C-alpha atoms as a PDB file:
ATOM      1  CA  MET A   1       0.000   0.000   0.000  1.00  0.00           C
ATOM      2  CA  TYR A   2       2.939   2.328   0.646  1.00  0.00           C
ATOM      3  CA  THR A   3       4.011   1.861  -2.989  1.00  0.00           C
ATOM      4  CA  ILE A   4       0.519   2.844  -4.176  1.00  0.00           C
ATOM      5  CA  PHE A   5       0.665   5.947  -2.016  1.00  0.00           C
ATOM      6  CA  LEU A   6       4.032   6.914  -3.510  1.00  0.00           C
ATOM      7  CA  ARG A   7       2.712   6.390  -7.048  1.00  0.00           C
ATOM      8  CA  LEU A   8      -0.250   8.609  -6.252  1.00  0.00           C
ATOM      9  CA  CYS A   9       2.078  11.198  -4.744  1.00  0.00           C
ATOM     10  CA  ALA A  10       4.054  11.177  -8.014  1.00  0.00           C
ATOM     11  CA  VAL A  11       0.847  12.055  -9.848  1.00  0.00           C
ATOM     12  CA  PHE A  12       0.089  14.871  -7.420  1.00  0.00           C
ATOM     13  CA  LEU A  13       3.669  16.109  -7.782  1.00  0.00           C
ATOM     14  CA  MET A  14       2.983  16.612 -11.501  1.00  0.00           C
ATOM     15  CA  ILE A  15      -0.237  18.424 -10.577  1.00  0.00           C
ATOM     16  CA  GLY A  16       1.802  20.533  -8.174  1.00  0.00           C
ATOM     17  CA  MET A  17       4.092  21.566 -11.034  1.00  0.00           C
ATOM     18  CA  GLY A  18       1.050  22.920 -12.850  1.00  0.00           C
ATOM     19  CA  TRP A  19      -0.048  24.772  -9.726  1.00  0.00           C
ATOM     20  CA  LEU A  20       3.449  26.256  -9.343  1.00  0.00           C
ATOM     21  CA  ALA A  21       3.605  27.238 -13.013  1.00  0.00           C
ATOM     22  CA  ARG A  22       0.333  29.112 -12.647  1.00  0.00           C
ATOM     23  CA  ARG A  23       1.292  30.816  -9.386  1.00  0.00           C
ATOM     24  CA  THR A  24       4.652  31.971 -10.783  1.00  0.00           C
ATOM     25  CA  GLY A  25       3.161  33.300 -14.005  1.00  0.00           C
ATOM     26  CA  LEU A  26       4.541  30.683 -16.396  1.00  0.00           C
ATOM     27  CA  LEU A  27       0.916  29.869 -17.188  1.00  0.00           C
ATOM     28  CA  ASP A  28      -2.169  32.014 -17.148  1.00  0.00           C
ATOM     29  CA  GLY A  29      -5.830  31.323 -17.758  1.00  0.00           C
ATOM     30  CA  GLU A  30      -5.618  31.652 -21.542  1.00  0.00           C
ATOM     31  CA  ALA A  31      -2.513  29.447 -21.791  1.00  0.00           C
ATOM     32  CA  THR A  32      -4.218  26.821 -19.625  1.00  0.00           C
ATOM     33  CA  ARG A  33      -7.284  26.825 -21.869  1.00  0.00           C
ATOM     34  CA  ARG A  34      -5.071  26.419 -24.920  1.00  0.00           C
ATOM     35  CA  LEU A  35      -3.203  23.530 -23.289  1.00  0.00           C
ATOM     36  CA  ALA A  36      -6.521  21.879 -22.484  1.00  0.00           C
ATOM     37  CA  ARG A  37      -7.661  22.222 -26.091  1.00  0.00           C
ATOM     38  CA  LEU A  38      -4.333  20.831 -27.329  1.00  0.00           C
ATOM     39  CA  GLN A  39      -4.810  17.780 -25.124  1.00  0.00           C
ATOM     40  CA  THR A  40      -8.437  17.082 -25.945  1.00  0.00           C
ATOM     41  CA  GLN A  41      -8.155  17.799 -29.688  1.00  0.00           C
ATOM     42  CA  ILE A  42      -4.738  16.263 -30.516  1.00  0.00           C
ATOM     43  CA  LEU A  43      -2.684  14.595 -27.768  1.00  0.00           C
ATOM     44  CA  TYR A  44      -5.401  12.652 -25.935  1.00  0.00           C
ATOM     45  CA  PRO A  45      -6.948  11.314 -29.179  1.00  0.00           C
ATOM     46  CA  ALA A  46      -3.460  10.267 -30.318  1.00  0.00           C
ATOM     47  CA  LEU A  47      -2.973   8.385 -27.046  1.00  0.00           C
ATOM     48  CA  ILE A  48      -6.381   6.707 -27.367  1.00  0.00           C
ATOM     49  CA  PHE A  49      -5.768   5.621 -30.952  1.00  0.00           C
ATOM     50  CA  THR A  50      -2.268   4.207 -30.427  1.00  0.00           C
ATOM     51  CA  ALA A  51      -3.118   2.576 -27.089  1.00  0.00           C
ATOM     52  CA  ILE A  52      -6.133   0.709 -28.468  1.00  0.00           C
ATOM     53  CA  ALA A  53      -4.826  -0.038 -31.984  1.00  0.00           C
ATOM     54  CA  GLY A  54      -1.440  -1.076 -30.617  1.00  0.00           C
ATOM     55  CA  SER A  55      -2.635  -3.242 -27.708  1.00  0.00           C
ATOM     56  CA  PHE A  56      -5.790  -4.948 -28.975  1.00  0.00           C
ATOM     57  CA  THR A  57      -6.982  -7.032 -31.867  1.00  0.00           C
ATOM     58  CA  LEU A  58     -10.579  -6.881 -33.043  1.00  0.00           C
ATOM     59  CA  SER A  59     -11.375 -10.143 -31.274  1.00  0.00           C
ATOM     60  CA  SER A  60      -9.690  -9.128 -28.005  1.00  0.00           C
ATOM     61  CA  LEU A  61     -11.460  -5.771 -28.153  1.00  0.00           C
ATOM     62  CA  GLY A  62     -14.789  -7.551 -28.483  1.00  0.00           C
ATOM     63  CA  ALA A  63     -13.853  -9.771 -25.562  1.00  0.00           C
ATOM     64  CA  ASN A  64     -13.296  -6.633 -23.455  1.00  0.00           C
ATOM     65  CA  TRP A  65     -16.749  -5.113 -24.002  1.00  0.00           C
ATOM     66  CA  ALA A  66     -17.081  -5.129 -20.196  1.00  0.00           C
ATOM     67  CA  LEU A  67     -14.692  -2.170 -19.951  1.00  0.00           C
ATOM     68  CA  PRO A  68     -17.030   0.530 -21.376  1.00  0.00           C
ATOM     69  CA  ALA A  69     -20.088  -1.262 -20.000  1.00  0.00           C
ATOM     70  CA  GLY A  70     -18.498  -1.432 -16.557  1.00  0.00           C
ATOM     71  CA  ALA A  71     -17.477   2.239 -16.633  1.00  0.00           C
ATOM     72  CA  PHE A  72     -21.040   3.266 -17.488  1.00  0.00           C
ATOM     73  CA  ALA A  73     -22.342   0.986 -14.725  1.00  0.00           C
ATOM     74  CA  ILE A  74     -20.037   2.681 -12.197  1.00  0.00           C
ATOM     75  CA  MET A  75     -21.460   6.086 -13.128  1.00  0.00           C
ATOM     76  CA  LEU A  76     -24.988   4.674 -12.955  1.00  0.00           C
ATOM     77  CA  VAL A  77     -24.321   3.418  -9.422  1.00  0.00           C
ATOM     78  CA  GLY A  78     -23.273   6.936  -8.452  1.00  0.00           C
ATOM     79  CA  PHE A  79     -26.330   8.473 -10.129  1.00  0.00           C
ATOM     80  CA  LEU A  80     -28.756   6.141  -8.346  1.00  0.00           C
ATOM     81  CA  THR A  81     -26.964   6.578  -5.016  1.00  0.00           C
ATOM     82  CA  GLY A  82     -27.180  10.348  -5.363  1.00  0.00           C
ATOM     83  CA  LEU A  83     -30.890  10.164  -6.178  1.00  0.00           C
ATOM     84  CA  LEU A  84     -31.450   8.031  -3.082  1.00  0.00           C
ATOM     85  CA  ILE A  85     -29.458  10.230  -0.684  1.00  0.00           C
ATOM     86  CA  ARG A  86     -30.359  13.692  -2.003  1.00  0.00           C
ATOM     87  CA  PRO A  87     -33.820  13.984  -0.350  1.00  0.00           C
ATOM     88  CA  PHE A  88     -32.255  13.441   3.095  1.00  0.00           C
ATOM     89  CA  LEU A  89     -29.950  16.446   2.648  1.00  0.00           C
ATOM     90  CA  ALA A  90     -32.868  18.884   2.273  1.00  0.00           C
ATOM     91  CA  LEU A  91     -31.021  21.050  -0.238  1.00  0.00           C
ATOM     92  CA  LYS A  92     -32.942  24.282  -0.761  1.00  0.00           C
ATOM     93  CA  GLU A  93     -31.036  25.626  -3.757  1.00  0.00           C
ATOM     94  CA  PRO A  94     -31.882  23.770  -7.022  1.00  0.00           C
ATOM     95  CA  ALA A  95     -28.369  24.381  -8.379  1.00  0.00           C
ATOM     96  CA  ALA A  96     -26.834  22.778  -5.280  1.00  0.00           C
ATOM     97  CA  ALA A  97     -29.188  19.799  -5.533  1.00  0.00           C
ATOM     98  CA  ARG A  98     -28.289  19.275  -9.191  1.00  0.00           C
ATOM     99  CA  GLY A  99     -24.585  19.784  -8.490  1.00  0.00           C
ATOM    100  CA  PHE A 100     -24.683  17.229  -5.684  1.00  0.00           C
ATOM    101  CA  LEU A 101     -26.189  14.632  -8.017  1.00  0.00           C
ATOM    102  CA  PHE A 102     -23.568  15.352 -10.670  1.00  0.00           C
ATOM    103  CA  GLN A 103     -20.731  14.933  -8.142  1.00  0.00           C
ATOM    104  CA  CYS A 104     -22.138  11.556  -7.182  1.00  0.00           C
ATOM    105  CA  THR A 105     -22.447  10.501 -10.815  1.00  0.00           C
ATOM    106  CA  ILE A 106     -19.272  11.593 -12.605  1.00  0.00           C
ATOM    107  CA  ASN A 107     -15.715  11.329 -11.323  1.00  0.00           C
ATOM    108  CA  ASN A 108     -12.193  11.880 -12.662  1.00  0.00           C
ATOM    109  CA  TYR A 109     -12.325   8.837 -14.935  1.00  0.00           C
ATOM    110  CA  SER A 110      -9.474   9.558 -17.372  1.00  0.00           C
ATOM    111  CA  TYR A 111      -6.694  12.047 -16.618  1.00  0.00           C
ATOM    112  CA  LEU A 112      -5.988  11.127 -12.982  1.00  0.00           C
ATOM    113  CA  PRO A 113      -6.149   7.328 -13.409  1.00  0.00           C
ATOM    114  CA  MET A 114      -4.042   7.401 -16.610  1.00  0.00           C
ATOM    115  CA  PRO A 115      -0.627   7.640 -14.914  1.00  0.00           C
ATOM    116  CA  LEU A 116      -1.701   5.131 -12.268  1.00  0.00           C
ATOM    117  CA  ALA A 117      -2.781   2.647 -14.948  1.00  0.00           C
ATOM    118  CA  LEU A 118       0.601   3.129 -16.611  1.00  0.00           C
ATOM    119  CA  PHE A 119       2.442   2.621 -13.319  1.00  0.00           C
ATOM    120  CA  PHE A 120       0.600  -0.564 -12.382  1.00  0.00           C
ATOM    121  CA  TRP A 121      -0.243  -2.303 -15.680  1.00  0.00           C
ATOM    122  CA  GLY A 122       1.856  -0.622 -18.341  1.00  0.00           C
ATOM    123  CA  GLU A 123       0.595   0.163 -21.840  1.00  0.00           C
ATOM    124  CA  THR A 124      -1.993  -2.616 -21.595  1.00  0.00           C
ATOM    125  CA  GLY A 125      -3.568  -0.936 -18.602  1.00  0.00           C
ATOM    126  CA  VAL A 126      -3.629   2.446 -20.351  1.00  0.00           C
ATOM    127  CA  ALA A 127      -5.257   0.865 -23.413  1.00  0.00           C
ATOM    128  CA  ALA A 128      -7.902  -0.768 -21.236  1.00  0.00           C
ATOM    129  CA  LEU A 129      -8.579   2.538 -19.465  1.00  0.00           C
ATOM    130  CA  MET A 130      -8.860   4.360 -22.798  1.00  0.00           C
ATOM    131  CA  PHE A 131     -11.413   1.847 -24.067  1.00  0.00           C
ATOM    132  CA  SER A 132     -13.408   2.151 -20.842  1.00  0.00           C
ATOM    133  CA  THR A 133     -13.781   5.901 -21.429  1.00  0.00           C
ATOM    134  CA  LEU A 134     -16.295   5.096 -24.164  1.00  0.00           C
ATOM    135  CA  GLY A 135     -18.751   4.186 -21.403  1.00  0.00           C
ATOM    136  CA  SER A 136     -17.639   7.086 -19.202  1.00  0.00           C
ATOM    137  CA  GLU A 137     -18.138   9.648 -21.965  1.00  0.00           C
ATOM    138  CA  ALA A 138     -21.581   8.239 -22.667  1.00  0.00           C
ATOM    139  CA  ALA A 139     -22.396   8.611 -18.967  1.00  0.00           C
ATOM    140  CA  VAL A 140     -21.195  12.243 -18.872  1.00  0.00           C
ATOM    141  CA  TRP A 141     -23.450  13.375 -21.714  1.00  0.00           C
ATOM    142  CA  THR A 142     -26.469  11.349 -20.629  1.00  0.00           C
ATOM    143  CA  LEU A 143     -26.572  10.756 -16.856  1.00  0.00           C
ATOM    144  CA  GLY A 144     -24.264  13.680 -16.101  1.00  0.00           C
ATOM    145  CA  VAL A 145     -26.220  16.204 -18.151  1.00  0.00           C
ATOM    146  CA  CYS A 146     -29.494  14.959 -16.671  1.00  0.00           C
ATOM    147  CA  ALA A 147     -28.026  15.392 -13.184  1.00  0.00           C
ATOM    148  CA  MET A 148     -26.628  18.860 -13.867  1.00  0.00           C
ATOM    149  CA  THR A 149     -29.697  20.267 -15.601  1.00  0.00           C
ATOM    150  CA  GLY A 150     -32.490  18.317 -13.949  1.00  0.00           C
ATOM    151  CA  ASP A 151     -33.970  17.846 -17.422  1.00  0.00           C
ATOM    152  CA  ARG A 152     -34.336  15.041 -19.868  1.00  0.00           C
ATOM    153  CA  LEU A 153     -31.746  14.393 -22.521  1.00  0.00           C
ATOM    154  CA  SER A 154     -31.651  16.839 -25.408  1.00  0.00           C
ATOM    155  CA  GLY A 155     -30.297  16.550 -28.902  1.00  0.00           C
ATOM    156  CA  ALA A 156     -27.531  18.999 -27.992  1.00  0.00           C
ATOM    157  CA  SER A 157     -26.256  16.828 -25.143  1.00  0.00           C
ATOM    158  CA  LEU A 158     -26.316  13.715 -27.298  1.00  0.00           C
ATOM    159  CA  ARG A 159     -24.444  15.522 -30.082  1.00  0.00           C
ATOM    160  CA  ARG A 160     -21.660  16.229 -27.586  1.00  0.00           C
ATOM    161  CA  LEU A 161     -20.916  12.509 -27.654  1.00  0.00           C
ATOM    162  CA  LEU A 162     -19.426  13.145 -31.095  1.00  0.00           C
ATOM    163  CA  ASN A 163     -16.151  14.585 -29.826  1.00  0.00           C
ATOM    164  CA  VAL A 164     -12.577  14.029 -30.967  1.00  0.00           C
ATOM    165  CA  PRO A 165     -11.652  11.440 -28.277  1.00  0.00           C
ATOM    166  CA  LEU A 166     -14.716   9.394 -29.192  1.00  0.00           C
ATOM    167  CA  LEU A 167     -13.808   9.648 -32.873  1.00  0.00           C
ATOM    168  CA  ALA A 168     -10.330   8.391 -31.967  1.00  0.00           C
ATOM    169  CA  ILE A 169     -11.913   5.314 -30.377  1.00  0.00           C
ATOM    170  CA  VAL A 170     -14.007   4.769 -33.504  1.00  0.00           C
ATOM    171  CA  ALA A 171     -10.930   5.195 -35.719  1.00  0.00           C
ATOM    172  CA  SER A 172      -8.929   2.686 -33.670  1.00  0.00           C
ATOM    173  CA  VAL A 173     -11.743   0.113 -33.834  1.00  0.00           C
ATOM    174  CA  ALA A 174     -12.051   0.698 -37.604  1.00  0.00           C
ATOM    175  CA  THR A 175      -8.299   0.165 -37.984  1.00  0.00           C
ATOM    176  CA  LEU A 176      -8.500  -3.119 -36.104  1.00  0.00           C
ATOM    177  CA  ALA A 177     -11.482  -4.170 -38.248  1.00  0.00           C
ATOM    178  CA  VAL A 178      -9.629  -3.422 -41.490  1.00  0.00           C
ATOM    179  CA  ARG A 179      -6.581  -5.292 -40.227  1.00  0.00           C
ATOM    180  CA  ALA A 180      -8.673  -8.334 -39.258  1.00  0.00           C
ATOM    181  CA  ALA A 181     -10.534  -8.321 -42.581  1.00  0.00           C
ATOM    182  CA  ALA A 182      -7.283  -8.124 -44.559  1.00  0.00           C
ATOM    183  CA  GLN A 183      -5.828 -11.044 -42.626  1.00  0.00           C
ATOM    184  CA  ALA A 184      -8.990 -13.097 -43.153  1.00  0.00           C
ATOM    185  CA  TRP A 185      -9.375 -12.422 -46.872  1.00  0.00           C
ATOM    186  CA  TRP A 186      -5.722 -12.421 -47.875  1.00  0.00           C
ATOM    187  CA  PRO A 187      -3.627 -14.215 -45.233  1.00  0.00           C
ATOM    188  CA  GLN A 188      -0.471 -14.182 -47.364  1.00  0.00           C
ATOM    189  CA  PHE A 189      -0.634 -10.483 -48.186  1.00  0.00           C
ATOM    190  CA  SER A 190       2.281  -8.362 -47.040  1.00  0.00           C
ATOM    191  CA  PRO A 191       2.302  -4.615 -47.751  1.00  0.00           C
ATOM    192  CA  PRO A 192       5.274  -3.234 -49.687  1.00  0.00           C
ATOM    193  CA  GLY A 193       8.213  -2.282 -47.511  1.00  0.00           C
ATOM    194  CA  ALA A 194       7.949   1.439 -48.222  1.00  0.00           C
ATOM    195  CA  LEU A 195       4.230   1.476 -47.401  1.00  0.00           C
ATOM    196  CA  ARG A 196       4.776  -0.477 -44.185  1.00  0.00           C
ATOM    197  CA  GLN A 197       7.569   1.858 -43.109  1.00  0.00           C
ATOM    198  CA  LEU A 198       5.362   4.870 -43.830  1.00  0.00           C
ATOM    199  CA  ALA A 199       2.556   3.431 -41.682  1.00  0.00           C
ATOM    200  CA  GLU A 200       4.964   2.581 -38.866  1.00  0.00           C
ATOM    201  CA  THR A 201       6.424   6.096 -38.986  1.00  0.00           C
ATOM    202  CA  GLY A 202       2.977   7.673 -38.739  1.00  0.00           C
ATOM    203  CA  PHE A 203       2.003   5.391 -35.863  1.00  0.00           C
ATOM    204  CA  SER A 204       5.250   6.172 -34.032  1.00  0.00           C
ATOM    205  CA  ALA A 205       4.616   9.903 -34.412  1.00  0.00           C
ATOM    206  CA  LEU A 206       1.159   9.483 -32.879  1.00  0.00           C
ATOM    207  CA  GLU A 207       2.667   7.411 -30.055  1.00  0.00           C
ATOM    208  CA  PHE A 208       5.171  10.149 -29.220  1.00  0.00           C
ATOM    209  CA  MET A 209       2.404  12.759 -29.179  1.00  0.00           C
ATOM    210  CA  GLY A 210       0.191  10.551 -27.036  1.00  0.00           C
ATOM    211  CA  ARG A 211       2.912  10.122 -24.423  1.00  0.00           C
ATOM    212  CA  ALA A 212       2.818  13.860 -23.788  1.00  0.00           C
ATOM    213  CA  THR A 213      -0.813  13.596 -22.664  1.00  0.00           C
ATOM    214  CA  ILE A 214      -0.220  12.469 -19.097  1.00  0.00           C
ATOM    215  CA  PRO A 215       2.311  15.101 -17.915  1.00  0.00           C
ATOM    216  CA  LEU A 216       0.575  17.941 -19.762  1.00  0.00           C
ATOM    217  CA  ALA A 217      -2.810  16.849 -18.438  1.00  0.00           C
ATOM    218  CA  MET A 218      -1.512  16.871 -14.872  1.00  0.00           C
ATOM    219  CA  ILE A 219       0.054  20.324 -15.367  1.00  0.00           C
ATOM    220  CA  THR A 220      -3.236  21.611 -16.759  1.00  0.00           C
ATOM    221  CA  VAL A 221      -5.160  20.163 -13.826  1.00  0.00           C
ATOM    222  CA  GLY A 222      -2.727  21.837 -11.410  1.00  0.00           C
ATOM    223  CA  SER A 223      -3.083  25.163 -13.178  1.00  0.00           C
ATOM    224  CA  ARG A 224      -6.851  24.979 -13.001  1.00  0.00           C
ATOM    225  CA  MET A 225      -6.818  23.938  -9.360  1.00  0.00           C
ATOM    226  CA  SER A 226      -4.726  26.998  -8.526  1.00  0.00           C
ATOM    227  CA  GLU A 227      -7.778  29.081  -9.476  1.00  0.00           C
ATOM    228  CA  LEU A 228      -9.816  27.453  -6.693  1.00  0.00           C
ATOM    229  CA  ARG A 229      -9.911  28.942  -3.228  1.00  0.00           C
ATOM    230  CA  PRO A 230     -10.510  26.625  -0.244  1.00  0.00           C
ATOM    231  CA  ALA A 231     -11.809  29.338   2.077  1.00  0.00           C
ATOM    232  CA  GLY A 232     -15.452  28.687   2.897  1.00  0.00           C
ATOM    233  CA  LEU A 233     -15.713  25.683   0.595  1.00  0.00           C
ATOM    234  CA  VAL A 234     -15.598  22.989   3.268  1.00  0.00           C
ATOM    235  CA  ASN A 235     -19.017  22.419   4.828  1.00  0.00           C
ATOM    236  CA  ARG A 236     -21.519  19.695   5.653  1.00  0.00           C
ATOM    237  CA  LEU A 237     -22.526  19.190   2.029  1.00  0.00           C
ATOM    238  CA  GLN A 238     -18.898  18.846   0.932  1.00  0.00           C
ATOM    239  CA  ALA A 239     -18.344  16.298   3.684  1.00  0.00           C
ATOM    240  CA  ALA A 240     -21.320  14.315   2.377  1.00  0.00           C
ATOM    241  CA  ILE A 241     -19.995  14.467  -1.177  1.00  0.00           C
ATOM    242  CA  ALA A 242     -16.545  13.299  -0.059  1.00  0.00           C
ATOM    243  CA  LEU A 243     -18.036  10.417   1.927  1.00  0.00           C
ATOM    244  CA  LEU A 244     -20.191   9.293  -0.986  1.00  0.00           C
ATOM    245  CA  ARG A 245     -17.647   9.943  -3.761  1.00  0.00           C
ATOM    246  CA  LEU A 246     -14.659   8.307  -2.046  1.00  0.00           C
ATOM    247  CA  ILE A 247     -16.184   5.583   0.146  1.00  0.00           C
ATOM    248  CA  VAL A 248     -19.851   4.715  -0.383  1.00  0.00           C
ATOM    249  CA  ILE A 249     -20.078   4.790  -4.183  1.00  0.00           C
ATOM    250  CA  PRO A 250     -16.715   3.035  -4.730  1.00  0.00           C
ATOM    251  CA  GLY A 251     -17.763   0.396  -2.210  1.00  0.00           C
ATOM    252  CA  LEU A 252     -21.040  -0.262  -4.022  1.00  0.00           C
ATOM    253  CA  ALA A 253     -19.306  -0.287  -7.407  1.00  0.00           C
ATOM    254  CA  ILE A 254     -16.604  -2.697  -6.214  1.00  0.00           C
ATOM    255  CA  LEU A 255     -19.290  -4.980  -4.793  1.00  0.00           C
ATOM    256  CA  LEU A 256     -21.008  -4.972  -8.189  1.00  0.00           C
ATOM    257  CA  LEU A 257     -17.723  -5.642 -10.005  1.00  0.00           C
ATOM    258  CA  SER A 258     -16.837  -8.484  -7.632  1.00  0.00           C
ATOM    259  CA  LEU A 259     -20.074 -10.252  -8.559  1.00  0.00           C
ATOM    260  CA  ALA A 260     -19.408 -10.005 -12.299  1.00  0.00           C
ATOM    261  CA  PRO A 261     -17.286 -12.665 -14.069  1.00  0.00           C
ATOM    262  CA  LEU A 262     -14.520 -10.341 -15.246  1.00  0.00           C
ATOM    263  CA  PRO A 263     -10.857 -10.918 -16.137  1.00  0.00           C
ATOM    264  CA  ALA A 264      -8.487  -9.758 -13.423  1.00  0.00           C
ATOM    265  CA  THR A 265      -7.053  -6.798 -15.359  1.00  0.00           C
ATOM    266  CA  THR A 266     -10.493  -5.631 -16.485  1.00  0.00           C
ATOM    267  CA  ARG A 267     -11.783  -5.694 -12.908  1.00  0.00           C
ATOM    268  CA  ALA A 268      -8.675  -3.912 -11.623  1.00  0.00           C
ATOM    269  CA  VAL A 269      -8.927  -1.106 -14.202  1.00  0.00           C
ATOM    270  CA  LEU A 270     -12.629  -0.617 -13.468  1.00  0.00           C
ATOM    271  CA  ILE A 271     -11.904  -0.514  -9.728  1.00  0.00           C
ATOM    272  CA  LEU A 272      -9.317   2.184 -10.464  1.00  0.00           C
ATOM    273  CA  VAL A 273     -12.014   4.175 -12.273  1.00  0.00           C
ATOM    274  CA  ALA A 274     -14.523   3.638  -9.460  1.00  0.00           C
ATOM    275  CA  VAL A 275     -12.336   5.016  -6.667  1.00  0.00           C
ATOM    276  CA  MET A 276     -11.370   8.289  -8.355  1.00  0.00           C
ATOM    277  CA  PRO A 277     -12.287  11.713  -6.842  1.00  0.00           C
ATOM    278  CA  SER A 278     -14.538  14.377  -8.378  1.00  0.00           C
ATOM    279  CA  ALA A 279     -14.059  15.355 -12.008  1.00  0.00           C
ATOM    280  CA  ASN A 280     -12.031  18.489 -12.683  1.00  0.00           C
ATOM    281  CA  ALA A 281     -14.362  19.188 -15.594  1.00  0.00           C
ATOM    282  CA  SER A 282     -17.288  19.616 -13.202  1.00  0.00           C
ATOM    283  CA  VAL A 283     -16.459  23.329 -12.786  1.00  0.00           C
ATOM    284  CA  VAL A 284     -16.582  23.888 -16.542  1.00  0.00           C
ATOM    285  CA  LEU A 285     -19.798  21.894 -16.895  1.00  0.00           C
ATOM    286  CA  SER A 286     -21.335  23.779 -13.974  1.00  0.00           C
ATOM    287  CA  GLU A 287     -20.614  27.044 -15.756  1.00  0.00           C
ATOM    288  CA  LEU A 288     -21.992  25.644 -19.007  1.00  0.00           C
ATOM    289  CA  TYR A 289     -25.254  24.305 -17.574  1.00  0.00           C
ATOM    290  CA  GLY A 290     -25.918  26.784 -14.775  1.00  0.00           C
ATOM    291  CA  GLY A 291     -24.810  24.544 -11.927  1.00  0.00           C
ATOM    292  CA  ASP A 292     -23.271  25.483  -8.588  1.00  0.00           C
ATOM    293  CA  VAL A 293     -19.675  26.380  -9.515  1.00  0.00           C
ATOM    294  CA  ARG A 294     -18.660  26.921  -5.882  1.00  0.00           C
ATOM    295  CA  LEU A 295     -19.947  23.472  -4.958  1.00  0.00           C
ATOM    296  CA  ALA A 296     -18.008  21.904  -7.833  1.00  0.00           C
ATOM    297  CA  ALA A 297     -14.808  23.729  -6.861  1.00  0.00           C
ATOM    298  CA  GLY A 298     -15.099  22.609  -3.255  1.00  0.00           C
ATOM    299  CA  ALA A 299     -15.772  19.016  -4.257  1.00  0.00           C
ATOM    300  CA  ILE A 300     -12.646  18.938  -6.420  1.00  0.00           C
ATOM    301  CA  LEU A 301     -10.420  20.254  -3.621  1.00  0.00           C
ATOM    302  CA  VAL A 302     -11.875  18.119  -0.834  1.00  0.00           C
ATOM    303  CA  THR A 303     -12.072  14.814  -2.713  1.00  0.00           C
ATOM    304  CA  HIS A 304      -8.614  15.183  -4.274  1.00  0.00           C
ATOM    305  CA  ALA A 305      -7.127  15.874  -0.836  1.00  0.00           C
ATOM    306  CA  PHE A 306      -8.722  12.854   0.832  1.00  0.00           C
ATOM    307  CA  CYS A 307      -8.185  10.481  -2.099  1.00  0.00           C
ATOM    308  CA  LEU A 308      -4.514  10.332  -1.088  1.00  0.00           C
ATOM    309  CA  VAL A 309      -5.780   8.130   1.736  1.00  0.00           C
ATOM    310  CA  THR A 310      -8.765   6.336   0.200  1.00  0.00           C
ATOM    311  CA  VAL A 311      -7.339   5.411  -3.221  1.00  0.00           C
ATOM    312  CA  PRO A 312      -4.319   3.459  -1.865  1.00  0.00           C
ATOM    313  CA  LEU A 313      -6.610   1.605   0.549  1.00  0.00           C
ATOM    314  CA  TRP A 314      -9.093   0.620  -2.160  1.00  0.00           C
ATOM    315  CA  LEU A 315      -6.439  -0.405  -4.696  1.00  0.00           C
ATOM    316  CA  HIS A 316      -4.388  -2.343  -2.165  1.00  0.00           C
ATOM    317  CA  HIS A 317      -7.301  -4.422  -0.903  1.00  0.00           C
ATOM    318  CA  PHE A 318      -9.331  -4.903  -4.087  1.00  0.00           C
ATOM    319  CA  ALA A 319      -7.250  -4.220  -7.215  1.00  0.00           C
ATOM    320  CA  GLY A 320      -4.291  -6.461  -6.444  1.00  0.00           C
ATOM    321  CA  VAL A 321      -1.627  -3.725  -6.641  1.00  0.00           C
END
């Protein structure tokens, strides 16, 4: 468990570099937004494509359908738990009630667990995590939007599923499908040397770009967290969110995963997703959909602080690391 704690501290050290860069003026708000766009539009999709296309075959990808399904199920557990608990909190402000439900539903399912998956399971673990984000993204723009707005799904929220990371997943699956079809129809076919070298060069370039995702993502997270102010953010509601987000919901999700017949690595990666703190994107989504931005900011600070204790405990006892 001490090793897990040190690995998590390494992640937070990278986040701290982003915080320091922002506080010393190396980054500002505009630079941080541009870094975030660079990650989501180029680097993160490159990582998704190379991780999936380089680690799976079409048949092994089909055999791992439980990864996106399990990620969506984890978010659904949080959504239902939040619906059950919310009436007992007697929240008077509608924005706070909606924000509470969102915090229960969506967590930091990609950027924070990425370096941990790499530490514990190597490129295979990162590929599995990337594939699981298909279910997580679906949960954000369905369950998450419903939680944040209190409304039914709209065409606009569903259209947000068509983003660049999702297209990268589709492109990687299409690549695997083409590769499998070529091998089935023409087993003896071998592409010309120049064409093969060109494809390998392009793939290597994408791999190099994808590897920049993790450190830059952590720096961006740190820069954004430097904008948050802890004063007055810690209260009874934040304590409830931290308890649910870090203990109750992960416990229920792990119980569900333990009952499912899953391969060991699949279960471990999904447990990693389940025990993560609040999503950093919740502040942006709160601003976008009229949620409680202060509540989201407090949840990020509180849950990220306490996850240094809870995440090592969960992973040590249930994920086999």
